[in-house]
Amino acid sequence: MNELVSRAEELLTEVHRSRGDLNGRDLGFRSWTPHGKRKRRQRLFIASSIDGVDSLVVKVPVDDDDVMVAHEWKILSKLQFARVKRPVPVRAAERGFVMSYVPAMDLADMLSPRPESWPELLCDSLATAARLHKAPANRLPSSAASVASTYVPDQSSLTANTLSALRRASSGPTHGDLGVWNIRIGDDGTMSLIDWEDYRQCGVPALDALNILLTSALVLYPEYPTRGFDWLYEQVFVNDGPFRQAMSKALGAYCKITGDAPGVVMRLTPFFCRWMIRRISLQGRPTDGMFYATFAERFEAEPPPWLREPA
């Protein structure tokens, strides 16, 4: 690990020198590995600062067989649309790549216990996602059902309601890992999206929206580890409380931009959960301590009564 850090710091120094950033200014570094339960595909980040102001970041795979960081470099290098802010790729490296630093405050840090702040933050987050989802793309299938098997190959367990929602949902560009930890907020309130390894030019955009909403609930109800996932499900889908109201408002605003029906997006909740179980398992991470199975099973057994959108 120390060797990776040293090589990254040398690379950052070279990049800054080639850009003329130094000239007697103070160059600093810091490094970190995101906390999590991953056994594979762990990542090391090394950030540079000029006179105390963060400037660039190197992203490096810890595992030798991890090809996803190189894949992200290719994605960021090819994204031509300017509808969402994101890290700017600077230079490829033997291991990892250099990119611009984006503001350090993420949506998870911004979400507070004050319910009155939830609608605006969720609306802004979903609007940011919607700009990505409406980016130009060529020759896309007309519905999510056309690409559903790339998420969940075995669809035999999906209910009729879920399959109907897939036929009615749209397809389009997707971020693919849009939890609240991958949305960064600048001092001016501008939102940027990071961690583009799972981007798809043709995916199911509604899954990004659900990812934002459901991971927001994990942050806004921090007592869920002791109360349980059934309790968390009730805060999200059963009780007519502040979260459900904020979620409904944000989803309505999102759908005005994308043209999707709010009920169709919500009915994809079991599909989203089963995809996440598969995706996380393939990364070598356990899912038994996550909410996905509980949410999928309860939603499939009895969809929320307030969900009036026909199947």
Protein backbone atom coordinates (compact mmCIF):
# COMPACT_ATOMS: atom_id res chain seq x y z
CA MET A 1 0.00 0.00 0.00
CA ASN A 2 2.81 2.42 0.86
CA GLU A 3 4.35 1.82 -2.55
CA LEU A 4 1.04 2.65 -4.26
CA VAL A 5 0.79 5.89 -2.29
CA SER A 6 4.37 6.89 -3.12
CA ARG A 7 3.92 6.23 -6.83
CA ALA A 8 0.66 8.18 -6.86
CA GLU A 9 2.26 11.15 -5.11
CA GLU A 10 5.08 11.11 -7.67
CA LEU A 11 2.53 11.07 -10.48
CA LEU A 12 0.56 13.96 -8.97
CA THR A 13 3.76 15.98 -8.53
CA GLU A 14 4.65 15.39 -12.18
CA VAL A 15 1.18 16.44 -13.36
CA HIS A 16 1.20 19.61 -11.27
CA ARG A 17 4.70 20.50 -12.45
CA SER A 18 3.72 20.01 -16.10
CA ARG A 19 0.74 22.31 -15.59
CA GLY A 20 2.81 25.00 -13.94
CA ASP A 21 0.87 24.73 -10.70
CA LEU A 22 3.80 24.78 -8.29
CA ASN A 23 6.16 27.78 -8.66
CA GLY A 24 7.01 27.87 -4.99
CA ARG A 25 3.51 26.96 -3.80
CA ASP A 26 2.93 24.32 -1.15
CA LEU A 27 2.02 20.87 -2.50
CA GLY A 28 0.37 18.50 -0.04
CA PHE A 29 -1.10 15.00 -0.15
CA ARG A 30 -3.57 12.86 1.74
CA SER A 31 -4.77 9.34 1.09
CA TRP A 32 -7.68 7.16 2.15
CA THR A 33 -9.50 3.92 1.44
CA PRO A 34 -13.31 4.17 1.66
CA HIS A 35 -14.80 2.24 4.55
CA GLY A 36 -16.96 -0.67 3.57
CA LYS A 37 -17.38 -4.44 3.59
CA ARG A 38 -15.80 -5.12 0.23
CA LYS A 39 -13.45 -8.08 0.08
CA ARG A 40 -12.64 -7.37 -3.55
CA ARG A 41 -12.34 -4.22 -5.66
CA GLN A 42 -11.08 -2.02 -2.85
CA ARG A 43 -9.83 1.38 -3.97
CA LEU A 44 -7.12 3.73 -2.77
CA PHE A 45 -7.47 7.49 -3.27
CA ILE A 46 -4.63 10.00 -3.09
CA ALA A 47 -5.53 13.69 -3.25
CA SER A 48 -3.21 16.61 -3.88
CA SER A 49 -3.65 20.14 -2.58
CA ILE A 50 -2.08 23.44 -3.61
CA ASP A 51 -1.64 25.81 -0.70
CA GLY A 52 -4.19 23.77 1.23
CA VAL A 53 -6.83 23.70 -1.53
CA ASP A 54 -7.70 20.25 -2.91
CA SER A 55 -6.89 19.98 -6.60
CA LEU A 56 -6.46 16.51 -8.10
CA VAL A 57 -7.12 12.89 -7.11
CA VAL A 58 -5.55 9.61 -8.12
CA LYS A 59 -7.82 6.57 -7.99
CA VAL A 60 -5.93 3.27 -7.74
CA PRO A 61 -7.18 -0.33 -7.54
CA VAL A 62 -5.76 -2.26 -4.61
CA ASP A 63 -6.27 -5.67 -6.25
CA ASP A 64 -4.10 -6.50 -9.26
CA ASP A 65 -7.01 -8.12 -11.14
CA ASP A 66 -9.38 -5.15 -10.66
CA VAL A 67 -10.11 -3.77 -14.13
CA MET A 68 -12.99 -1.49 -13.19
CA VAL A 69 -10.85 1.56 -12.41
CA ALA A 70 -9.38 1.44 -15.91
CA HIS A 71 -12.93 1.01 -17.18
CA GLU A 72 -14.00 4.17 -15.35
CA TRP A 73 -11.15 6.09 -17.00
CA LYS A 74 -12.52 5.08 -20.41
CA ILE A 75 -16.05 6.09 -19.41
CA LEU A 76 -15.04 9.52 -18.11
CA SER A 77 -12.89 10.10 -21.18
CA LYS A 78 -15.78 9.36 -23.54
CA LEU A 79 -18.63 11.17 -21.80
CA GLN A 80 -19.24 14.15 -24.06
CA PHE A 81 -22.47 15.56 -22.68
CA ALA A 82 -22.32 18.46 -20.23
CA ARG A 83 -25.64 17.95 -18.50
CA VAL A 84 -24.13 16.78 -15.21
CA LYS A 85 -20.99 17.81 -13.40
CA ARG A 86 -18.48 15.05 -12.80
CA PRO A 87 -14.75 14.52 -12.29
CA VAL A 88 -12.66 15.59 -15.27
CA PRO A 89 -10.16 12.93 -16.37
CA VAL A 90 -6.61 14.31 -16.44
CA ARG A 91 -4.17 11.47 -17.11
CA ALA A 92 -4.19 7.71 -17.31
CA ALA A 93 -1.59 5.81 -15.31
CA GLU A 94 -0.25 2.27 -15.14
CA ARG A 95 -2.51 1.70 -12.17
CA GLY A 96 -5.52 4.00 -11.97
CA PHE A 97 -5.85 7.52 -13.25
CA VAL A 98 -5.72 11.19 -12.27
CA MET A 99 -8.91 13.26 -12.20
CA SER A 100 -10.06 16.61 -10.91
CA TYR A 101 -11.12 16.85 -7.30
CA VAL A 102 -14.81 17.51 -6.68
CA PRO A 103 -16.22 19.06 -3.47
CA ALA A 104 -15.82 16.78 -0.47
CA MET A 105 -19.29 17.18 1.05
CA ASP A 106 -21.52 14.38 -0.15
CA LEU A 107 -25.30 14.13 0.00
CA ALA A 108 -25.13 11.74 2.94
CA ASP A 109 -23.34 14.44 4.94
CA MET A 110 -25.85 17.11 3.90
CA LEU A 111 -28.94 15.15 4.86
CA SER A 112 -29.93 16.23 8.35
CA PRO A 113 -32.54 15.18 10.93
CA ARG A 114 -34.60 18.25 9.97
CA PRO A 115 -37.49 16.92 7.82
CA GLU A 116 -38.17 20.36 6.37
CA SER A 117 -34.86 20.13 4.47
CA TRP A 118 -35.54 16.73 2.92
CA PRO A 119 -37.77 17.71 -0.05
CA GLU A 120 -35.32 20.25 -1.49
CA LEU A 121 -32.29 17.99 -1.20
CA LEU A 122 -34.09 14.99 -2.68
CA CYS A 123 -35.63 17.10 -5.46
CA ASP A 124 -32.23 18.56 -6.40
CA SER A 125 -30.61 15.11 -6.33
CA LEU A 126 -33.22 13.51 -8.56
CA ALA A 127 -33.16 16.50 -10.91
CA THR A 128 -29.40 16.00 -11.28
CA ALA A 129 -29.99 12.33 -12.09
CA ALA A 130 -32.72 13.27 -14.56
CA ARG A 131 -30.31 15.47 -16.52
CA LEU A 132 -28.08 12.44 -16.97
CA HIS A 133 -31.02 10.24 -17.90
CA LYS A 134 -32.18 12.64 -20.60
CA ALA A 135 -28.74 12.99 -22.19
CA PRO A 136 -28.69 12.23 -25.93
CA ALA A 137 -28.14 8.60 -26.83
CA ASN A 138 -28.48 6.75 -30.10
CA ARG A 139 -30.60 3.72 -30.94
CA LEU A 140 -31.79 2.91 -27.43
CA PRO A 141 -34.48 0.28 -26.81
CA SER A 142 -37.86 1.77 -26.08
CA SER A 143 -38.42 0.12 -22.70
CA ALA A 144 -36.55 -1.10 -19.65
CA ALA A 145 -37.73 -4.65 -20.34
CA SER A 146 -35.33 -4.77 -23.30
CA VAL A 147 -32.29 -4.52 -21.02
CA ALA A 148 -33.72 -6.02 -17.81
CA SER A 149 -31.93 -9.34 -18.23
CA THR A 150 -28.55 -7.60 -18.01
CA TYR A 151 -29.49 -6.65 -14.44
CA VAL A 152 -31.38 -9.74 -13.30
CA PRO A 153 -30.82 -12.66 -15.70
CA ASP A 154 -33.26 -14.97 -13.91
CA GLN A 155 -36.61 -13.17 -13.91
CA SER A 156 -38.69 -16.17 -12.87
CA SER A 157 -39.13 -14.74 -9.36
CA LEU A 158 -40.36 -11.33 -10.54
CA THR A 159 -44.05 -10.63 -9.98
CA ALA A 160 -46.53 -9.60 -12.66
CA ASN A 161 -46.54 -6.05 -11.27
CA THR A 162 -42.76 -5.77 -11.57
CA LEU A 163 -42.70 -7.20 -15.10
CA SER A 164 -45.46 -4.80 -16.13
CA ALA A 165 -43.51 -1.87 -14.72
CA LEU A 166 -40.44 -2.93 -16.68
CA ARG A 167 -42.46 -2.90 -19.90
CA ARG A 168 -43.67 0.63 -19.16
CA ALA A 169 -40.43 2.12 -17.83
CA SER A 170 -37.97 3.88 -20.10
CA SER A 171 -34.39 3.03 -20.94
CA GLY A 172 -31.47 5.43 -21.24
CA PRO A 173 -28.08 6.46 -19.84
CA THR A 174 -27.59 5.49 -16.20
CA HIS A 175 -24.94 6.13 -13.57
CA GLY A 176 -25.37 2.64 -12.10
CA ASP A 177 -24.23 3.32 -8.52
CA LEU A 178 -26.12 6.44 -7.51
CA GLY A 179 -26.31 6.07 -3.75
CA VAL A 180 -26.20 9.22 -1.67
CA TRP A 181 -22.44 8.74 -1.14
CA ASN A 182 -21.74 9.31 -4.83
CA ILE A 183 -23.45 12.70 -5.05
CA ARG A 184 -21.22 15.62 -4.08
CA ILE A 185 -22.44 19.10 -3.25
CA GLY A 186 -20.38 22.25 -3.73
CA ASP A 187 -20.49 25.43 -1.69
CA ASP A 188 -22.87 26.94 -4.25
CA GLY A 189 -25.24 23.97 -3.99
CA THR A 190 -24.20 22.52 -7.35
CA MET A 191 -24.28 18.73 -7.41
CA SER A 192 -21.66 16.51 -9.04
CA LEU A 193 -21.75 12.76 -9.62
CA ILE A 194 -18.69 10.62 -8.85
CA ASP A 195 -17.73 6.94 -9.22
CA TRP A 196 -18.71 6.17 -12.81
CA GLU A 197 -17.49 2.57 -12.98
CA ASP A 198 -21.01 1.18 -13.51
CA TYR A 199 -22.22 3.71 -16.10
CA ARG A 200 -24.35 2.31 -18.89
CA GLN A 201 -25.28 4.09 -22.07
CA CYS A 202 -28.42 1.97 -22.12
CA GLY A 203 -29.82 0.97 -18.76
CA VAL A 204 -32.88 1.46 -16.55
CA PRO A 205 -32.78 5.08 -15.31
CA ALA A 206 -35.48 4.49 -12.69
CA LEU A 207 -32.99 2.39 -10.73
CA ASP A 208 -30.76 5.42 -10.21
CA ALA A 209 -33.73 7.34 -8.82
CA LEU A 210 -34.65 4.50 -6.46
CA ASN A 211 -31.04 4.20 -5.35
CA ILE A 212 -30.99 7.86 -4.29
CA LEU A 213 -34.30 7.65 -2.45
CA LEU A 214 -33.74 4.37 -0.61
CA THR A 215 -30.16 5.09 0.45
CA SER A 216 -31.37 8.48 1.70
CA ALA A 217 -33.63 6.63 4.10
CA LEU A 218 -30.61 4.82 5.57
CA VAL A 219 -29.09 8.19 6.46
CA LEU A 220 -32.27 9.89 7.63
CA TYR A 221 -33.28 7.00 9.90
CA PRO A 222 -29.97 6.06 11.54
CA GLU A 223 -31.76 4.01 14.20
CA TYR A 224 -32.68 1.32 11.65
CA PRO A 225 -29.87 -1.07 12.75
CA THR A 226 -31.59 -1.56 16.10
CA ARG A 227 -35.19 -1.21 14.93
CA GLY A 228 -34.77 -3.48 11.91
CA PHE A 229 -35.40 -3.38 8.18
CA ASP A 230 -39.14 -4.00 8.58
CA TRP A 231 -39.34 -0.81 10.62
CA LEU A 232 -37.34 1.06 7.98
CA TYR A 233 -39.64 -0.26 5.25
CA GLU A 234 -42.63 1.15 7.09
CA GLN A 235 -41.01 4.59 7.32
CA VAL A 236 -40.46 4.56 3.56
CA PHE A 237 -43.56 2.85 2.19
CA VAL A 238 -46.25 2.57 4.86
CA ASN A 239 -46.35 5.56 7.20
CA ASP A 240 -47.57 8.85 5.82
CA GLY A 241 -44.63 10.63 7.37
CA PRO A 242 -42.08 13.24 6.31
CA PHE A 243 -39.89 10.87 4.31
CA ARG A 244 -42.71 9.52 2.17
CA GLN A 245 -43.94 13.03 1.53
CA ALA A 246 -40.46 14.21 0.54
CA MET A 247 -39.96 11.11 -1.61
CA SER A 248 -43.27 11.65 -3.42
CA LYS A 249 -42.47 15.28 -4.12
CA ALA A 250 -38.98 14.51 -5.42
CA LEU A 251 -40.19 11.62 -7.56
CA GLY A 252 -42.95 13.75 -9.04
CA ALA A 253 -40.44 16.43 -10.02
CA TYR A 254 -38.12 13.80 -11.48
CA CYS A 255 -40.88 12.28 -13.59
CA LYS A 256 -41.88 15.68 -14.99
CA ILE A 257 -38.38 15.87 -16.47
CA THR A 258 -38.07 12.27 -17.66
CA GLY A 259 -41.65 11.57 -18.70
CA ASP A 260 -41.83 8.42 -16.56
CA ALA A 261 -44.85 7.71 -14.37
CA PRO A 262 -44.10 7.88 -10.62
CA GLY A 263 -46.03 4.67 -9.97
CA VAL A 264 -44.02 2.80 -12.58
CA VAL A 265 -40.74 3.92 -11.01
CA MET A 266 -41.87 2.88 -7.54
CA ARG A 267 -43.09 -0.52 -8.75
CA LEU A 268 -39.52 -1.28 -9.83
CA THR A 269 -38.42 -1.35 -6.18
CA PRO A 270 -38.27 -5.19 -6.01
CA PHE A 271 -36.34 -5.30 -9.28
CA PHE A 272 -33.88 -2.71 -7.97
CA CYS A 273 -33.40 -4.69 -4.76
CA ARG A 274 -32.83 -8.00 -6.52
CA TRP A 275 -30.35 -6.37 -8.88
CA MET A 276 -28.43 -4.86 -5.96
CA ILE A 277 -28.27 -8.23 -4.20
CA ARG A 278 -26.77 -9.77 -7.35
CA ARG A 279 -24.40 -6.86 -8.01
CA ILE A 280 -23.04 -6.68 -4.47
CA SER A 281 -22.64 -10.45 -4.23
CA LEU A 282 -20.58 -10.46 -7.42
CA GLN A 283 -18.28 -7.92 -5.76
CA GLY A 284 -17.57 -10.37 -2.96
CA ARG A 285 -19.58 -8.45 -0.38
CA PRO A 286 -22.25 -9.91 1.94
CA THR A 287 -25.84 -8.72 1.55
CA ASP A 288 -27.47 -10.36 4.56
CA GLY A 289 -26.95 -7.19 6.60
CA MET A 290 -28.59 -4.95 3.98
CA PHE A 291 -32.20 -3.91 3.45
CA TYR A 292 -32.67 -5.21 -0.09
CA ALA A 293 -34.15 -8.65 0.62
CA THR A 294 -36.64 -7.32 3.20
CA PHE A 295 -37.78 -4.49 0.92
CA ALA A 296 -38.18 -6.76 -2.10
CA GLU A 297 -40.14 -9.42 -0.23
CA ARG A 298 -42.50 -7.00 1.52
CA PHE A 299 -43.14 -4.95 -1.60
CA GLU A 300 -43.85 -8.04 -3.68
CA ALA A 301 -46.14 -9.51 -1.02
CA GLU A 302 -48.23 -6.37 -0.73
CA PRO A 303 -47.41 -3.20 -2.72
CA PRO A 304 -48.01 0.01 -0.76
CA PRO A 305 -51.73 0.83 -0.72
CA TRP A 306 -51.09 4.45 -1.68
CA LEU A 307 -49.47 3.34 -4.92
CA ARG A 308 -52.40 3.91 -7.24
CA GLU A 309 -50.53 3.67 -10.52
CA PRO A 310 -52.03 0.64 -12.31
CA ALA A 311 -49.75 -2.31 -12.95
